Amino acid sequence: MQEHPRQWQFHGSMLAEADRMLDELDVEKRSLRVMEELDRYSRERSDRMRRLRRKARIRIKRSE
């Protein structure tokens, strides 16, 4: 190990990358990430719609 530290570093990084790829292929974890992404999108959309409605109400009041 001390004779070829760069090789060990390379092998370690390759193992870490393979582990990351296998983790991404895990169906349960992928499903969880997709659900989290959908939840985030829904929250952002809901917040955006709330802001748009508030702005629309303000414009209606000003025009009256």
Protein backbone atom coordinates (compact mmCIF):
# COMPACT_ATOMS: atom_id res chain seq x y z
CA MET A 1 0.00 0.00 0.00
CA GLN A 2 2.79 2.45 0.81
CA GLU A 3 4.60 1.59 -2.42
CA HIS A 4 1.69 2.65 -4.64
CA PRO A 5 -0.50 5.10 -2.72
CA ARG A 6 -1.90 6.64 -5.93
CA GLN A 7 -3.13 3.25 -7.11
CA TRP A 8 -4.93 2.73 -3.81
CA GLN A 9 -6.41 6.19 -4.09
CA PHE A 10 -7.58 5.39 -7.63
CA HIS A 11 -9.08 2.05 -6.57
CA GLY A 12 -10.83 3.73 -3.65
CA SER A 13 -12.35 6.39 -5.89
CA MET A 14 -13.47 3.73 -8.39
CA LEU A 15 -15.13 1.74 -5.60
CA ALA A 16 -16.85 4.88 -4.31
CA GLU A 17 -18.12 5.67 -7.82
CA ALA A 18 -19.38 2.10 -8.32
CA ASP A 19 -21.12 2.29 -4.94
CA ARG A 20 -22.77 5.59 -5.95
CA MET A 21 -23.97 4.09 -9.25
CA LEU A 22 -25.40 1.02 -7.52
CA ASP A 23 -27.11 3.29 -5.02
CA GLU A 24 -28.74 5.24 -7.87
CA LEU A 25 -30.02 1.99 -9.38
CA ASP A 26 -31.71 0.94 -6.14
CA VAL A 27 -35.42 1.05 -6.99
CA GLU A 28 -36.58 1.99 -3.49
CA LYS A 29 -34.13 4.88 -3.21
CA ARG A 30 -34.99 6.06 -6.72
CA SER A 31 -38.68 6.01 -5.85
CA LEU A 32 -37.97 7.98 -2.69
CA ARG A 33 -35.98 10.60 -4.62
CA VAL A 34 -38.77 10.91 -7.20
CA MET A 35 -41.40 11.36 -4.47
CA GLU A 36 -39.24 14.00 -2.76
CA GLU A 37 -38.81 15.83 -6.06
CA LEU A 38 -42.57 15.74 -6.72
CA ASP A 39 -43.26 17.04 -3.20
CA ARG A 40 -40.79 19.89 -3.72
CA TYR A 41 -42.34 20.76 -7.09
CA SER A 42 -45.86 20.72 -5.60
CA ARG A 43 -44.82 23.00 -2.73
CA GLU A 44 -43.14 25.45 -5.10
CA ARG A 45 -46.14 25.48 -7.42
CA SER A 46 -48.55 25.97 -4.52
CA ASP A 47 -46.44 28.86 -3.18
CA ARG A 48 -46.28 30.43 -6.64
CA MET A 49 -50.04 30.17 -7.12
CA ARG A 50 -50.63 31.74 -3.69
CA ARG A 51 -48.37 34.68 -4.59
CA LEU A 52 -50.08 35.14 -7.98
CA ARG A 53 -53.54 35.13 -6.38
CA ARG A 54 -52.39 37.69 -3.81
CA LYS A 55 -51.01 39.93 -6.57
CA ALA A 56 -54.21 39.56 -8.57
CA ARG A 57 -56.31 40.60 -5.55
CA ILE A 58 -54.12 43.66 -4.98
CA ARG A 59 -54.48 44.72 -8.65
CA ILE A 60 -58.27 44.24 -8.52
CA LYS A 61 -58.56 46.40 -5.38
CA ARG A 62 -56.44 49.15 -6.93
CA SER A 63 -58.55 49.22 -10.09
CA GLU A 64 -61.85 49.58 -8.20
